[in-house]
C-alpha atoms as a PDB file:
ATOM      1  CA  MET A   1      12.493 -26.691   2.934  1.00  0.00           C
ATOM      2  CA  ILE A   2      14.195 -24.325   5.343  1.00  0.00           C
ATOM      3  CA  ILE A   3      14.346 -20.643   4.421  1.00  0.00           C
ATOM      4  CA  ARG A   4      17.036 -18.657   6.199  1.00  0.00           C
ATOM      5  CA  SER A   5      17.230 -15.632   3.911  1.00  0.00           C
ATOM      6  CA  LYS A   6      15.899 -12.278   5.070  1.00  0.00           C
ATOM      7  CA  THR A   7      14.598 -11.222   1.653  1.00  0.00           C
ATOM      8  CA  PHE A   8      13.121 -12.930  -1.361  1.00  0.00           C
ATOM      9  CA  LYS A   9      15.976 -11.670  -3.533  1.00  0.00           C
ATOM     10  CA  GLN A  10      18.592 -13.192  -1.195  1.00  0.00           C
ATOM     11  CA  TRP A  11      16.697 -16.487  -1.138  1.00  0.00           C
ATOM     12  CA  PHE A  12      16.322 -16.431  -4.909  1.00  0.00           C
ATOM     13  CA  LYS A  13      19.998 -15.712  -5.596  1.00  0.00           C
ATOM     14  CA  ALA A  14      21.011 -18.517  -3.229  1.00  0.00           C
ATOM     15  CA  ASN A  15      18.820 -21.087  -4.970  1.00  0.00           C
ATOM     16  CA  PHE A  16      18.970 -20.368  -8.706  1.00  0.00           C
ATOM     17  CA  THR A  17      21.748 -19.979 -11.252  1.00  0.00           C
ATOM     18  CA  LYS A  18      21.890 -17.166 -13.799  1.00  0.00           C
ATOM     19  CA  GLU A  19      21.031 -19.715 -16.488  1.00  0.00           C
ATOM     20  CA  GLU A  20      17.905 -20.784 -14.589  1.00  0.00           C
ATOM     21  CA  MET A  21      16.988 -17.123 -14.111  1.00  0.00           C
ATOM     22  CA  ARG A  22      17.301 -16.476 -17.845  1.00  0.00           C
ATOM     23  CA  ASP A  23      15.091 -19.514 -18.509  1.00  0.00           C
ATOM     24  CA  MET A  24      12.494 -18.100 -16.097  1.00  0.00           C
ATOM     25  CA  VAL A  25      12.529 -14.770 -17.913  1.00  0.00           C
ATOM     26  CA  ASN A  26      12.296 -16.372 -21.358  1.00  0.00           C
ATOM     27  CA  HIS A  27       9.851 -19.204 -20.613  1.00  0.00           C
ATOM     28  CA  GLY A  28       8.112 -18.423 -17.314  1.00  0.00           C
ATOM     29  CA  VAL A  29       8.321 -20.160 -13.978  1.00  0.00           C
ATOM     30  CA  ASP A  30       5.398 -22.452 -14.743  1.00  0.00           C
ATOM     31  CA  GLY A  31       7.770 -24.484 -16.909  1.00  0.00           C
ATOM     32  CA  GLY A  32       8.971 -26.188 -13.737  1.00  0.00           C
ATOM     33  CA  PHE A  33      11.874 -25.201 -11.514  1.00  0.00           C
ATOM     34  CA  HIS A  34      13.015 -26.839  -8.294  1.00  0.00           C
ATOM     35  CA  LEU A  35      11.484 -25.159  -5.220  1.00  0.00           C
ATOM     36  CA  LEU A  36       8.847 -23.505  -7.429  1.00  0.00           C
ATOM     37  CA  THR A  37       6.953 -26.571  -8.609  1.00  0.00           C
ATOM     38  CA  TYR A  38       4.947 -27.832  -5.635  1.00  0.00           C
ATOM     39  CA  TYR A  39       2.311 -25.838  -3.782  1.00  0.00           C
ATOM     40  CA  SER A  40       3.823 -26.929  -0.480  1.00  0.00           C
ATOM     41  CA  ASP A  41       7.013 -25.077  -1.444  1.00  0.00           C
ATOM     42  CA  THR A  42       5.491 -22.030  -3.125  1.00  0.00           C
ATOM     43  CA  VAL A  43       3.058 -21.436  -0.264  1.00  0.00           C
ATOM     44  CA  LYS A  44       5.906 -21.631   2.258  1.00  0.00           C
ATOM     45  CA  ILE A  45       7.913 -19.150   0.200  1.00  0.00           C
ATOM     46  CA  TYR A  46       4.900 -16.860  -0.018  1.00  0.00           C
ATOM     47  CA  GLU A  47       4.256 -17.081   3.726  1.00  0.00           C
ATOM     48  CA  THR A  48       7.880 -16.200   4.444  1.00  0.00           C
ATOM     49  CA  PHE A  49       8.054 -13.214   2.090  1.00  0.00           C
ATOM     50  CA  LYS A  50       4.391 -12.182   1.702  1.00  0.00           C
ATOM     51  CA  MET A  51       4.892  -8.549   2.759  1.00  0.00           C
ATOM     52  CA  GLU A  52       7.783  -8.120   0.324  1.00  0.00           C
ATOM     53  CA  ILE A  53       5.825  -9.854  -2.458  1.00  0.00           C
ATOM     54  CA  HIS A  54       2.753  -7.726  -1.818  1.00  0.00           C
ATOM     55  CA  ASP A  55       4.846  -4.530  -1.806  1.00  0.00           C
ATOM     56  CA  ALA A  56       6.399  -5.495  -5.158  1.00  0.00           C
ATOM     57  CA  LEU A  57       2.981  -6.290  -6.617  1.00  0.00           C
ATOM     58  CA  GLN A  58       1.625  -2.977  -5.322  1.00  0.00           C
ATOM     59  CA  ASP A  59       4.550  -1.050  -6.819  1.00  0.00           C
ATOM     60  CA  ASP A  60       4.115  -2.813 -10.154  1.00  0.00           C
ATOM     61  CA  ALA A  61       0.327  -2.351 -10.130  1.00  0.00           C
ATOM     62  CA  GLU A  62       0.755   1.377  -9.593  1.00  0.00           C
ATOM     63  CA  SER A  63       3.483   1.672 -12.233  1.00  0.00           C
ATOM     64  CA  TYR A  64       1.205  -0.028 -14.787  1.00  0.00           C
ATOM     65  CA  GLY A  65      -1.712   2.230 -13.850  1.00  0.00           C
ATOM     66  CA  TYR A  66      -3.853  -0.176 -11.820  1.00  0.00           C
ATOM     67  CA  SER A  67      -5.577   0.973  -8.665  1.00  0.00           C
ATOM     68  CA  ASN A  68      -4.753  -2.146  -6.645  1.00  0.00           C
ATOM     69  CA  VAL A  69      -2.958  -5.493  -6.648  1.00  0.00           C
ATOM     70  CA  HIS A  70      -6.093  -7.522  -7.382  1.00  0.00           C
ATOM     71  CA  GLU A  71      -6.975  -5.476 -10.448  1.00  0.00           C
ATOM     72  CA  PHE A  72      -3.388  -5.935 -11.676  1.00  0.00           C
ATOM     73  CA  MET A  73      -3.384  -9.674 -10.965  1.00  0.00           C
ATOM     74  CA  ALA A  74      -6.636 -10.069 -12.895  1.00  0.00           C
ATOM     75  CA  THR A  75      -4.591  -9.352 -16.033  1.00  0.00           C
ATOM     76  CA  PHE A  76      -2.376 -12.387 -15.453  1.00  0.00           C
ATOM     77  CA  ASN A  77      -2.937 -15.646 -17.321  1.00  0.00           C
ATOM     78  CA  LYS A  78      -6.701 -16.015 -17.084  1.00  0.00           C
ATOM     79  CA  ASP A  79      -6.548 -19.728 -17.908  1.00  0.00           C
ATOM     80  CA  HIS A  80      -4.895 -20.231 -14.530  1.00  0.00           C
ATOM     81  CA  ALA A  81      -6.825 -17.784 -12.351  1.00  0.00           C
ATOM     82  CA  PRO A  82      -6.443 -18.782  -8.701  1.00  0.00           C
ATOM     83  CA  GLY A  83      -9.455 -20.477  -7.164  1.00  0.00           C
ATOM     84  CA  ASN A  84      -8.254 -20.581  -3.571  1.00  0.00           C
ATOM     85  CA  TYR A  85      -5.578 -19.312  -1.179  1.00  0.00           C
ATOM     86  CA  THR A  86      -3.025 -21.961  -2.162  1.00  0.00           C
ATOM     87  CA  GLN A  87      -3.304 -21.169  -5.861  1.00  0.00           C
ATOM     88  CA  SER A  88      -3.189 -17.432  -5.169  1.00  0.00           C
ATOM     89  CA  ALA A  89      -0.047 -17.792  -3.013  1.00  0.00           C
ATOM     90  CA  ASN A  90       1.505 -19.897  -5.761  1.00  0.00           C
ATOM     91  CA  GLN A  91       0.691 -17.309  -8.426  1.00  0.00           C
ATOM     92  CA  MET A  92       2.154 -14.472  -6.334  1.00  0.00           C
ATOM     93  CA  THR A  93       5.316 -16.475  -5.659  1.00  0.00           C
ATOM     94  CA  TRP A  94       5.720 -17.215  -9.354  1.00  0.00           C
ATOM     95  CA  TYR A  95       5.206 -13.544 -10.160  1.00  0.00           C
ATOM     96  CA  MET A  96       7.902 -12.542  -7.684  1.00  0.00           C
ATOM     97  CA  ALA A  97      10.260 -15.204  -9.034  1.00  0.00           C
ATOM     98  CA  GLU A  98       9.859 -13.987 -12.626  1.00  0.00           C
ATOM     99  CA  ARG A  99      10.132 -10.349 -11.530  1.00  0.00           C
ATOM    100  CA  THR A 100      13.309 -11.066  -9.539  1.00  0.00           C
ATOM    101  CA  ALA A 101      14.809 -13.153 -12.347  1.00  0.00           C
ATOM    102  CA  ARG A 102      14.192 -10.276 -14.762  1.00  0.00           C
ATOM    103  CA  GLU A 103      15.771  -7.789 -12.354  1.00  0.00           C
ATOM    104  CA  LEU A 104      18.858  -9.921 -11.735  1.00  0.00           C
ATOM    105  CA  THR A 105      19.447 -10.809 -15.387  1.00  0.00           C
ATOM    106  CA  ASP A 106      18.957  -7.176 -16.436  1.00  0.00           C
ATOM    107  CA  GLU A 107      21.822  -6.283 -14.058  1.00  0.00           C
ATOM    108  CA  ASP A 108      24.221  -8.334 -16.226  1.00  0.00           C
END
């Protein structure tokens, strides 16, 4: 996978349809979407946009009253808590995908 976009949102809009975005909002990304299924892809996406993803997580953590990103992330699906860097990068990428899908479909 080659990522040429400057931001996650640009990359996301270039790779997913509005229908796919609505499915992500309604059912979650873990249901399986191209480019968001395999760790090799989600880790690459995370590595490319990690500062932007972290900033979004920090903003959301603060808006929900958490003191930091890790405290906020601990509230995510506990059955799938990340056990290593790869799983953590995957979880953060999925979070950003669902967050971006929600933002873009809310604009409609």
